[in-house]
Protein backbone atom coordinates (compact mmCIF):
# COMPACT_ATOMS: atom_id res chain seq x y z
CA UNK A 1 36.44 -124.14 155.63
CA UNK A 2 39.20 -126.72 156.06
CA UNK A 3 38.27 -128.38 152.78
CA UNK A 4 38.36 -125.11 150.84
CA UNK A 5 41.68 -124.11 152.37
CA UNK A 6 43.27 -127.48 151.55
CA UNK A 7 41.77 -127.53 148.05
CA UNK A 8 42.92 -124.01 147.10
CA UNK A 9 46.43 -124.53 148.41
CA UNK A 10 46.77 -127.92 146.77
CA UNK A 11 45.55 -126.70 143.36
CA UNK A 12 47.89 -123.67 143.48
CA UNK A 13 50.97 -125.76 144.25
CA UNK A 14 49.96 -128.48 141.79
CA UNK A 15 49.64 -126.00 138.90
CA UNK A 16 52.99 -124.40 139.78
CA UNK A 17 54.79 -127.74 140.00
CA UNK A 18 53.24 -128.96 136.74
CA UNK A 19 54.31 -125.92 134.72
CA UNK A 20 57.83 -125.89 136.14
CA UNK A 21 58.59 -129.58 135.79
CA UNK A 22 56.94 -129.98 132.38
CA UNK A 23 59.13 -127.17 131.05
CA UNK A 24 62.22 -128.84 132.53
CA UNK A 25 61.34 -132.22 131.03
CA UNK A 26 60.74 -130.66 127.62
CA UNK A 27 64.13 -128.99 127.63
CA UNK A 28 66.18 -131.91 128.87
CA UNK A 29 64.19 -134.92 127.60
CA UNK A 30 65.29 -136.81 130.66
CA UNK A 31 63.70 -137.63 133.95
CA UNK A 32 64.52 -135.27 136.83
CA UNK A 33 64.03 -137.99 139.40
CA UNK A 34 61.23 -136.09 141.12
CA UNK A 35 57.56 -136.93 140.81
CA UNK A 36 55.39 -133.99 139.88
CA UNK A 37 52.49 -135.14 141.98
CA UNK A 38 50.12 -134.34 139.07
CA UNK A 39 50.40 -137.28 136.72
CA UNK A 40 51.63 -140.81 136.23
CA UNK A 41 55.11 -140.92 134.78
CA UNK A 42 56.50 -143.78 132.74
CA UNK A 43 60.12 -144.69 132.34
CA UNK A 44 61.30 -145.60 128.82
CA UNK A 45 64.88 -144.92 127.93
CA UNK A 46 65.03 -142.06 130.43
CA UNK A 47 62.15 -140.18 128.77
CA UNK A 48 59.27 -139.15 131.03
CA UNK A 49 55.75 -139.35 129.64
CA UNK A 50 52.59 -138.08 131.22
CA UNK A 51 49.09 -139.46 130.78
CA UNK A 52 46.53 -136.60 130.90
CA UNK A 53 43.71 -138.73 132.31
CA UNK A 54 45.89 -140.00 135.13
CA UNK A 55 47.08 -136.45 135.81
CA UNK A 56 43.59 -135.23 136.66
CA UNK A 57 42.93 -138.38 138.69
CA UNK A 58 46.09 -137.80 140.72
CA UNK A 59 45.15 -134.16 141.31
CA UNK A 60 41.78 -135.30 142.64
CA UNK A 61 43.50 -137.91 144.83
CA UNK A 62 45.87 -135.29 146.24
CA UNK A 63 42.99 -132.94 147.08
CA UNK A 64 41.01 -135.77 148.65
CA UNK A 65 43.90 -137.02 150.78
CA UNK A 66 44.72 -133.49 151.94
CA UNK A 67 41.16 -132.92 153.09
CA UNK A 68 41.05 -136.33 154.74
CA UNK A 69 44.35 -135.72 156.51
CA UNK A 70 43.15 -132.37 157.89
CA UNK A 71 39.92 -134.01 159.03
CA UNK A 72 41.91 -136.80 160.71
CA UNK A 73 44.15 -134.30 162.50
CA UNK A 74 41.14 -132.34 163.78
CA UNK A 75 39.21 -135.41 164.96
CA UNK A 76 42.30 -136.88 166.63
CA UNK A 77 42.94 -133.59 168.44
CA UNK A 78 39.34 -133.45 169.68
CA UNK A 79 39.96 -136.76 171.52
CA UNK A 80 43.22 -135.88 173.26
CA UNK A 81 41.64 -134.54 176.49
CA UNK A 82 38.02 -135.71 177.09
CA UNK A 83 39.33 -138.81 178.89
CA UNK A 84 40.75 -136.43 181.51
CA UNK A 85 38.24 -133.58 181.76
CA UNK A 86 35.22 -135.90 181.80
CA UNK A 87 36.75 -137.61 184.82
CA UNK A 88 37.44 -134.26 186.51
CA UNK A 89 33.77 -133.30 186.24
CA UNK A 90 32.71 -136.55 187.97
CA UNK A 91 35.69 -137.01 190.28
CA UNK A 92 33.61 -136.83 193.45
CA UNK A 93 31.16 -139.46 192.18
CA UNK A 94 34.00 -141.71 191.03
CA UNK A 95 35.74 -141.36 194.40
CA UNK A 96 32.56 -142.33 196.23
CA UNK A 97 31.79 -145.19 193.84
CA UNK A 98 35.27 -146.71 194.06
CA UNK A 99 36.00 -145.75 197.67
CA UNK A 100 39.02 -143.55 196.90
CA UNK A 101 40.79 -141.38 199.45
CA UNK A 102 42.02 -137.89 198.60
CA UNK A 103 45.57 -139.17 198.12
CA UNK A 104 44.43 -141.94 195.75
CA UNK A 105 42.38 -139.42 193.82
CA UNK A 106 45.50 -137.28 193.57
CA UNK A 107 47.34 -140.31 192.20
CA UNK A 108 44.55 -140.75 189.67
CA UNK A 109 45.00 -137.17 188.46
CA UNK A 110 48.75 -137.84 188.12
CA UNK A 111 48.23 -140.85 185.87
CA UNK A 112 47.85 -138.78 182.65
CA UNK A 113 51.28 -137.11 182.75
CA UNK A 114 52.87 -140.39 183.88
CA UNK A 115 51.43 -142.26 180.90
CA UNK A 116 52.31 -139.43 178.54
CA UNK A 117 55.91 -139.52 179.73
CA UNK A 118 56.28 -143.31 179.59
CA UNK A 119 54.45 -144.00 176.33
CA UNK A 120 55.13 -140.73 174.53
CA UNK A 121 58.86 -141.43 174.26
CA UNK A 122 58.09 -144.54 172.18
CA UNK A 123 56.12 -142.61 169.55
CA UNK A 124 59.04 -141.67 167.21
CA UNK A 125 60.32 -145.26 167.14
CA UNK A 126 56.83 -146.62 166.44
CA UNK A 127 56.32 -144.01 163.73
CA UNK A 128 59.58 -144.98 162.00
CA UNK A 129 58.57 -148.63 161.98
CA UNK A 130 54.87 -148.46 161.19
CA UNK A 131 54.34 -144.90 159.93
CA UNK A 132 52.77 -142.01 161.86
CA UNK A 133 49.33 -142.60 160.34
CA UNK A 134 49.22 -146.19 161.59
CA UNK A 135 50.35 -145.15 165.08
CA UNK A 136 47.74 -142.40 165.37
CA UNK A 137 45.05 -144.78 164.10
CA UNK A 138 46.07 -147.36 166.72
CA UNK A 139 46.08 -144.59 169.31
CA UNK A 140 42.44 -143.76 168.54
CA UNK A 141 41.55 -147.45 168.89
CA UNK A 142 43.28 -147.58 172.29
CA UNK A 143 41.42 -144.47 173.47
CA UNK A 144 38.11 -146.01 172.40
CA UNK A 145 38.78 -149.27 174.21
CA UNK A 146 40.07 -147.62 177.38
CA UNK A 147 37.13 -145.20 177.72
CA UNK A 148 34.62 -147.96 177.08
CA UNK A 149 36.16 -150.39 179.56
CA UNK A 150 37.20 -148.22 182.51
CA UNK A 151 33.79 -147.41 184.05
CA UNK A 152 32.93 -151.10 184.22
CA UNK A 153 36.38 -152.55 185.02
CA UNK A 154 35.50 -152.97 188.68
CA UNK A 155 37.64 -151.57 191.48
CA UNK A 156 40.31 -148.90 191.53
CA UNK A 157 42.96 -151.13 189.93
CA UNK A 158 40.87 -151.95 186.88
CA UNK A 159 39.79 -148.33 186.55
CA UNK A 160 43.43 -147.20 186.57
CA UNK A 161 44.49 -149.89 184.07
CA UNK A 162 41.76 -149.00 181.57
CA UNK A 163 42.52 -145.30 182.01
CA UNK A 164 46.18 -146.04 181.28
CA UNK A 165 45.18 -147.80 178.04
CA UNK A 166 43.29 -144.72 176.85
CA UNK A 167 46.12 -142.44 177.93
CA UNK A 168 48.62 -144.59 176.03
CA UNK A 169 46.74 -143.81 172.83
CA UNK A 170 46.64 -140.13 173.73
CA UNK A 171 50.37 -140.11 174.53
CA UNK A 172 51.58 -141.32 171.13
CA UNK A 173 49.13 -139.03 169.32
CA UNK A 174 50.30 -136.09 171.44
CA UNK A 175 53.88 -136.54 170.28
CA UNK A 176 53.07 -137.24 166.64
CA UNK A 177 50.74 -134.28 166.01
CA UNK A 178 53.62 -131.73 165.66
CA UNK A 179 55.56 -134.29 163.61
CA UNK A 180 52.69 -134.82 161.17
CA UNK A 181 52.16 -131.06 160.82
CA UNK A 182 55.87 -130.44 160.15
CA UNK A 183 56.03 -133.38 157.75
CA UNK A 184 52.98 -132.65 155.60
CA UNK A 185 52.58 -128.90 156.13
CA UNK A 186 56.08 -127.42 156.69
CA UNK A 187 54.96 -124.06 155.26
CA UNK A 188 51.85 -123.95 157.45
CA UNK A 189 53.18 -124.91 160.90
CA UNK A 190 51.53 -121.97 162.67
CA UNK A 191 48.10 -122.27 161.08
CA UNK A 192 47.92 -126.08 161.28
CA UNK A 193 49.17 -126.11 164.88
CA UNK A 194 46.51 -123.52 165.65
CA UNK A 195 43.86 -125.64 163.95
CA UNK A 196 44.52 -128.82 165.90
CA UNK A 197 45.16 -126.90 169.13
CA UNK A 198 41.75 -125.26 168.68
CA UNK A 199 40.19 -128.68 168.10
CA UNK A 200 41.95 -130.02 171.19
CA UNK A 201 40.64 -127.14 173.31
CA UNK A 202 37.16 -127.65 171.87
CA UNK A 203 37.11 -131.33 172.84
CA UNK A 204 38.47 -130.50 176.27
CA UNK A 205 35.82 -127.88 177.01
CA UNK A 206 32.92 -129.88 175.58
CA UNK A 207 33.79 -132.87 177.78
CA UNK A 208 34.03 -130.62 180.85
CA UNK A 209 30.69 -128.91 180.18
CA UNK A 210 28.63 -131.84 178.89
CA UNK A 211 29.69 -134.71 181.18
CA UNK A 212 27.36 -133.84 184.08
CA UNK A 213 24.28 -133.17 181.88
CA UNK A 214 24.96 -136.33 179.88
CA UNK A 215 25.28 -138.31 183.09
CA UNK A 216 21.93 -136.96 184.31
CA UNK A 217 20.33 -137.77 180.95
CA UNK A 218 21.68 -141.32 181.09
CA UNK A 219 20.14 -142.06 184.48
CA UNK A 220 22.43 -140.24 186.88
CA UNK A 221 25.08 -142.98 187.13
CA UNK A 222 28.70 -142.00 186.57
CA UNK A 223 29.57 -145.16 184.60
CA UNK A 224 27.59 -144.37 181.42
CA UNK A 225 28.48 -140.70 181.87
CA UNK A 226 32.13 -141.63 181.36
CA UNK A 227 31.64 -144.45 178.84
CA UNK A 228 29.75 -142.25 176.38
CA UNK A 229 33.00 -140.44 175.49
CA UNK A 230 34.21 -143.59 173.70
CA UNK A 231 32.03 -142.63 170.72
CA UNK A 232 34.26 -139.74 169.59
CA UNK A 233 37.57 -141.66 169.29
CA UNK A 234 35.72 -144.47 167.49
CA UNK A 235 34.72 -141.93 164.83
CA UNK A 236 38.26 -140.54 164.73
CA UNK A 237 39.63 -143.95 163.67
CA UNK A 238 37.94 -143.76 160.27
CA UNK A 239 39.87 -140.95 158.50
CA UNK A 240 43.22 -142.47 159.54
CA UNK A 241 42.57 -145.89 158.00
CA UNK A 242 43.77 -144.85 154.48
CA UNK A 243 47.06 -143.65 156.01
CA UNK A 244 47.84 -146.86 157.89
CA UNK A 245 50.09 -148.19 155.12
CA UNK A 246 51.53 -144.82 154.15
CA UNK A 247 54.88 -144.87 155.96
CA UNK A 248 56.47 -142.14 153.88
CA UNK A 249 55.29 -138.71 152.77
CA UNK A 250 55.85 -138.62 148.99
CA UNK A 251 55.54 -135.31 147.23
CA UNK A 252 52.53 -136.59 145.32
CA UNK A 253 50.39 -136.91 148.44
CA UNK A 254 52.01 -134.38 150.79
CA UNK A 255 50.79 -130.96 149.62
CA UNK A 256 53.49 -129.02 151.39
CA UNK A 257 56.21 -131.67 151.65
CA UNK A 258 59.78 -130.41 151.17
CA UNK A 259 61.01 -130.96 147.62
CA UNK A 260 64.08 -133.10 146.95
CA UNK A 261 65.88 -130.17 145.39
CA UNK A 262 65.61 -128.29 148.67
CA UNK A 263 67.92 -130.72 150.45
CA UNK A 264 69.37 -134.17 150.55
CA UNK A 265 67.39 -137.32 149.87
CA UNK A 266 65.37 -139.00 152.58
CA UNK A 267 67.71 -141.97 152.50
CA UNK A 268 70.77 -139.82 153.20
CA UNK A 269 68.98 -137.93 155.96
CA UNK A 270 67.96 -141.21 157.54
CA UNK A 271 71.59 -142.29 157.68
CA UNK A 272 72.53 -139.36 159.92
CA UNK A 273 72.87 -140.05 163.63
CA UNK A 274 70.19 -138.54 165.87
CA UNK A 275 70.70 -135.18 167.54
CA UNK A 276 72.35 -135.13 170.94
CA UNK A 277 69.23 -133.44 172.18
CA UNK A 278 70.26 -133.35 175.83
CA UNK A 279 73.10 -130.98 174.93
CA UNK A 280 70.67 -128.31 173.80
CA UNK A 281 69.79 -125.66 176.36
CA UNK A 282 66.77 -124.69 174.32
CA UNK A 283 65.50 -128.29 174.40
CA UNK A 284 65.82 -128.38 178.18
CA UNK A 285 64.14 -124.99 178.59
CA UNK A 286 61.30 -126.09 176.35
CA UNK A 287 60.95 -129.39 178.25
CA UNK A 288 60.75 -127.62 181.62
CA UNK A 289 58.31 -125.05 180.23
CA UNK A 290 56.20 -127.88 178.83
CA UNK A 291 56.32 -129.67 182.17
CA UNK A 292 55.25 -126.66 184.23
CA UNK A 293 52.39 -125.70 181.93
CA UNK A 294 51.29 -129.35 181.93
CA UNK A 295 51.37 -129.32 185.74
CA UNK A 296 49.00 -126.35 185.79
CA UNK A 297 46.79 -127.91 183.12
CA UNK A 298 46.37 -131.26 184.83
CA UNK A 299 45.80 -129.68 188.21
CA UNK A 300 43.10 -127.59 186.54
CA UNK A 301 41.51 -130.52 184.72
CA UNK A 302 41.68 -132.81 187.74
CA UNK A 303 40.87 -130.47 190.63
CA UNK A 304 39.41 -127.14 189.49
CA UNK A 305 35.80 -128.33 189.38
CA UNK A 306 36.23 -129.73 192.89
CA UNK A 307 37.72 -126.43 194.10
CA UNK A 308 34.65 -124.56 192.89
CA UNK A 309 32.29 -127.19 194.35
CA UNK A 310 33.95 -127.01 197.75
CA UNK A 311 33.60 -123.22 197.62
CA UNK A 312 29.81 -123.55 197.41
CA UNK A 313 29.22 -123.79 193.65
CA UNK A 314 26.83 -126.47 192.37
CA UNK A 315 28.18 -129.45 190.45
CA UNK A 316 26.67 -128.29 187.16
CA UNK A 317 28.02 -124.74 187.52
CA UNK A 318 31.44 -126.07 188.52
CA UNK A 319 31.50 -128.11 185.32
CA UNK A 320 30.57 -125.01 183.33
CA UNK A 321 33.36 -123.02 185.00
CA UNK A 322 35.83 -125.73 184.08
CA UNK A 323 34.42 -125.64 180.54
CA UNK A 324 34.96 -121.87 180.40
CA UNK A 325 38.60 -122.37 181.35
CA UNK A 326 39.00 -124.91 178.59
CA UNK A 327 36.88 -123.15 175.95
CA UNK A 328 39.13 -120.09 176.11
CA UNK A 329 41.63 -122.25 174.28
CA UNK A 330 39.34 -122.61 171.25
CA UNK A 331 39.89 -119.14 169.76
CA UNK A 332 43.24 -118.45 171.44
CA UNK A 333 44.72 -121.80 170.44
CA UNK A 334 44.18 -120.78 166.83
CA UNK A 335 45.42 -117.21 167.23
CA UNK A 336 48.46 -117.70 169.48
CA UNK A 337 50.37 -120.17 167.24
CA UNK A 338 49.84 -117.91 164.22
CA UNK A 339 51.12 -114.87 166.11
CA UNK A 340 53.98 -116.82 167.72
CA UNK A 341 55.17 -118.20 164.37
CA UNK A 342 55.60 -114.64 163.10
CA UNK A 343 57.67 -113.47 166.07
CA UNK A 344 61.42 -114.11 166.38
CA UNK A 345 61.04 -114.38 170.17
CA UNK A 346 57.98 -115.84 171.89
CA UNK A 347 58.95 -114.56 175.36
CA UNK A 348 56.39 -111.70 175.47
CA UNK A 349 53.54 -114.15 174.91
CA UNK A 350 54.87 -116.34 177.71
CA UNK A 351 54.88 -113.38 180.10
CA UNK A 352 51.31 -112.32 179.26
CA UNK A 353 49.98 -115.84 179.79
CA UNK A 354 51.86 -116.18 183.08
CA UNK A 355 50.54 -112.89 184.47
CA UNK A 356 46.99 -113.96 183.64
CA UNK A 357 47.59 -117.20 185.56
CA UNK A 358 48.90 -115.38 188.63
CA UNK A 359 45.90 -113.03 188.61
CA UNK A 360 43.49 -115.96 188.27
CA UNK A 361 45.01 -117.86 191.19
CA UNK A 362 44.99 -114.74 193.38
CA UNK A 363 41.30 -114.22 192.69
CA UNK A 364 40.58 -117.90 193.31
CA UNK A 365 42.24 -117.58 196.74
CA UNK A 366 40.55 -114.37 197.90
CA UNK A 367 37.09 -114.58 196.25
CA UNK A 368 36.50 -118.03 194.76
CA UNK A 369 32.72 -117.60 194.40
CA UNK A 370 32.18 -113.87 193.89
CA UNK A 371 34.54 -113.61 190.92
CA UNK A 372 34.42 -117.24 189.78
CA UNK A 373 33.66 -116.43 186.13
CA UNK A 374 36.43 -113.84 185.91
CA UNK A 375 38.98 -116.22 187.43
CA UNK A 376 37.88 -118.93 184.99
CA UNK A 377 38.49 -116.56 182.08
CA UNK A 378 41.97 -115.60 183.33
CA UNK A 379 42.97 -119.20 183.99
CA UNK A 380 41.65 -120.14 180.56
CA UNK A 381 43.99 -117.60 178.96
CA UNK A 382 46.87 -118.90 181.05
CA UNK A 383 46.20 -122.49 179.94
CA UNK A 384 46.94 -121.46 176.35
CA UNK A 385 50.61 -122.01 177.15
CA UNK A 386 50.05 -125.50 175.73
CA UNK A 387 49.50 -124.50 172.06
CA UNK A 388 52.35 -122.02 172.46
CA UNK A 389 54.64 -124.84 173.60
CA UNK A 390 53.61 -126.99 170.64
CA UNK A 391 54.31 -124.10 168.27
CA UNK A 392 57.77 -123.61 169.74
CA UNK A 393 58.48 -127.32 169.25
CA UNK A 394 57.91 -126.83 165.53
CA UNK A 395 59.98 -123.62 165.44
CA UNK A 396 62.99 -124.72 167.49
CA UNK A 397 64.05 -127.38 164.97
CA UNK A 398 64.74 -127.03 161.25
CA UNK A 399 64.05 -130.58 160.04
CA UNK A 400 61.23 -133.07 160.41
CA UNK A 401 63.57 -135.49 162.19
CA UNK A 402 64.63 -132.71 164.56
CA UNK A 403 61.01 -131.87 165.34
CA UNK A 404 60.24 -135.54 166.05
CA UNK A 405 63.17 -135.83 168.43
CA UNK A 406 62.49 -132.50 170.13
CA UNK A 407 58.78 -133.26 170.45
CA UNK A 408 59.43 -136.64 172.08
CA UNK A 409 62.09 -135.19 174.42
CA UNK A 410 60.16 -132.07 175.44
CA UNK A 411 56.86 -133.87 175.97
CA UNK A 412 58.24 -136.97 177.70
CA UNK A 413 60.54 -134.97 179.99
CA UNK A 414 57.86 -132.35 180.53
CA UNK A 415 55.22 -134.88 181.52
CA UNK A 416 57.66 -136.50 183.93
CA UNK A 417 58.14 -133.08 185.55
CA UNK A 418 54.38 -132.63 185.81
CA UNK A 419 53.64 -135.94 187.58
CA UNK A 420 54.09 -134.75 191.20
CA UNK A 421 51.89 -131.66 190.81
CA UNK A 422 48.34 -133.11 190.83
CA UNK A 423 49.36 -135.71 193.43
CA UNK A 424 50.85 -133.04 195.70
CA UNK A 425 47.68 -130.97 195.40
CA UNK A 426 45.63 -133.94 196.59
CA UNK A 427 47.95 -134.56 199.54
CA UNK A 428 47.96 -130.88 200.57
CA UNK A 429 44.19 -130.72 200.30
CA UNK A 430 43.67 -133.82 202.42
CA UNK A 431 46.09 -132.78 205.16
CA UNK A 432 45.27 -129.06 205.31
CA UNK A 433 41.51 -129.44 204.93
CA UNK A 434 41.25 -126.60 202.44
CA UNK A 435 42.46 -125.19 199.16
CA UNK A 436 44.73 -122.41 200.42
CA UNK A 437 47.99 -124.35 200.23
CA UNK A 438 47.23 -126.01 196.86
CA UNK A 439 46.41 -122.62 195.30
CA UNK A 440 49.62 -121.17 196.76
CA UNK A 441 51.55 -124.03 195.16
CA UNK A 442 49.93 -123.37 191.77
CA UNK A 443 50.83 -119.68 191.99
CA UNK A 444 54.44 -120.41 192.97
CA UNK A 445 54.94 -122.74 190.00
CA UNK A 446 53.86 -120.01 187.59
CA UNK A 447 57.04 -117.97 188.24
CA UNK A 448 59.61 -120.53 186.96
CA UNK A 449 57.21 -121.29 184.09
CA UNK A 450 57.55 -117.71 182.91
CA UNK A 451 61.35 -117.77 183.25
CA UNK A 452 61.98 -120.98 181.29
CA UNK A 453 59.33 -120.04 178.75
CA UNK A 454 61.23 -116.86 177.92
CA UNK A 455 64.42 -118.91 177.51
CA UNK A 456 62.67 -121.46 175.28
CA UNK A 457 61.25 -118.71 173.11
CA UNK A 458 64.63 -117.40 171.91
CA UNK A 459 65.30 -117.51 168.17
CA UNK A 460 67.56 -120.58 167.84
CA UNK A 461 67.35 -124.24 166.86
CA UNK A 462 68.34 -127.45 168.58
CA UNK A 463 70.39 -128.50 165.55
CA UNK A 464 72.73 -125.55 166.15
CA UNK A 465 73.07 -126.27 169.86
CA UNK A 466 73.14 -130.05 169.95
CA UNK A 467 75.13 -130.85 166.82
CA UNK A 468 75.25 -134.22 165.17
């Protein structure tokens, strides 16, 4: 399906660009300064010539690279959460194997947002120097190495260090996914964001559901049950290799890249100073919204399976319940960005997701076992605030540079905000001896999430608020 969509769109735009620019070149006899993306052009006294054989070869190359890029985006997105949800499904076994207390386990569940905040802010700078394709490719390599090493690192310190290596790769890929979508598919932000959000939710849910059965199949030890998830990021490295040296997005290989006539040249845009992003109220609202939804997500991924297990649910069923929460994001992560991109204000979606979260937490408090499947469904809907936040990142800035800066700011600041949440849940659980206080905390955090989400969803851009 992805290949047909990319092929049809690429052929349509290629034919349109060829007819338009060939007519222009015939009339003027001079080069327009813009590559058509459909043929090789020679320069001889200002006259542009086109070689028919090379034209068809370039069209094939454009179609191939578009399909490969979409495949790379999907495979990268699949690997952005299994490192976390696979650990959540085996948290009790890991705690016993490494001798962790509840507070240390809470620290472990806070490591993901900490790494995302620290390493995510470096992603735009790395992308400018090496190109986004090279950074994402390196990120997949880091995820592979971290997941393969951490079960056998020995001791809590080594486990945390290897986990941080994998999360470093996830962090830079997190930030660059909206940037790559805006850069290569500016006319398809909603659909492409939905596609990789759906892939992200799919990988998250599969890791949650399959980790316990895979562990049993591999002998019942938690080490191979965690290490097996290094296979997926190793496969995800492959489609990004051709993009390692592609630092720019020329019109010939970017099917939906902005045309030079639509604005100033890349060189002139690069000379502009960065946005004063901290002066934008929308940027701050989006960062806080991102942080609060991330808090809920990492509490869910780190602790929800344990909450169900402590309520009397078996380990396998608890993993399935966590998978249900995550799998709700597969269809909704594709639908919500498409709907949100068509609305001038995303506030109503924020409210609906927040109400579902409050209802899910209330049910989890009063009847954690009797209505477990219903609460999992409601919390799964609520967790779809993540693809909504990513969509708003792409909509709250007009330019690719603005999206890169807003994405880094919102995600890095948001993940910093989310760090205390999972740790606090672990401390409250250890000192209270139950899940009442942690669930009350999760419910209380949902209220400000709704408020700032409504503010972030207003129809405005950071360029207008921050200025240059």
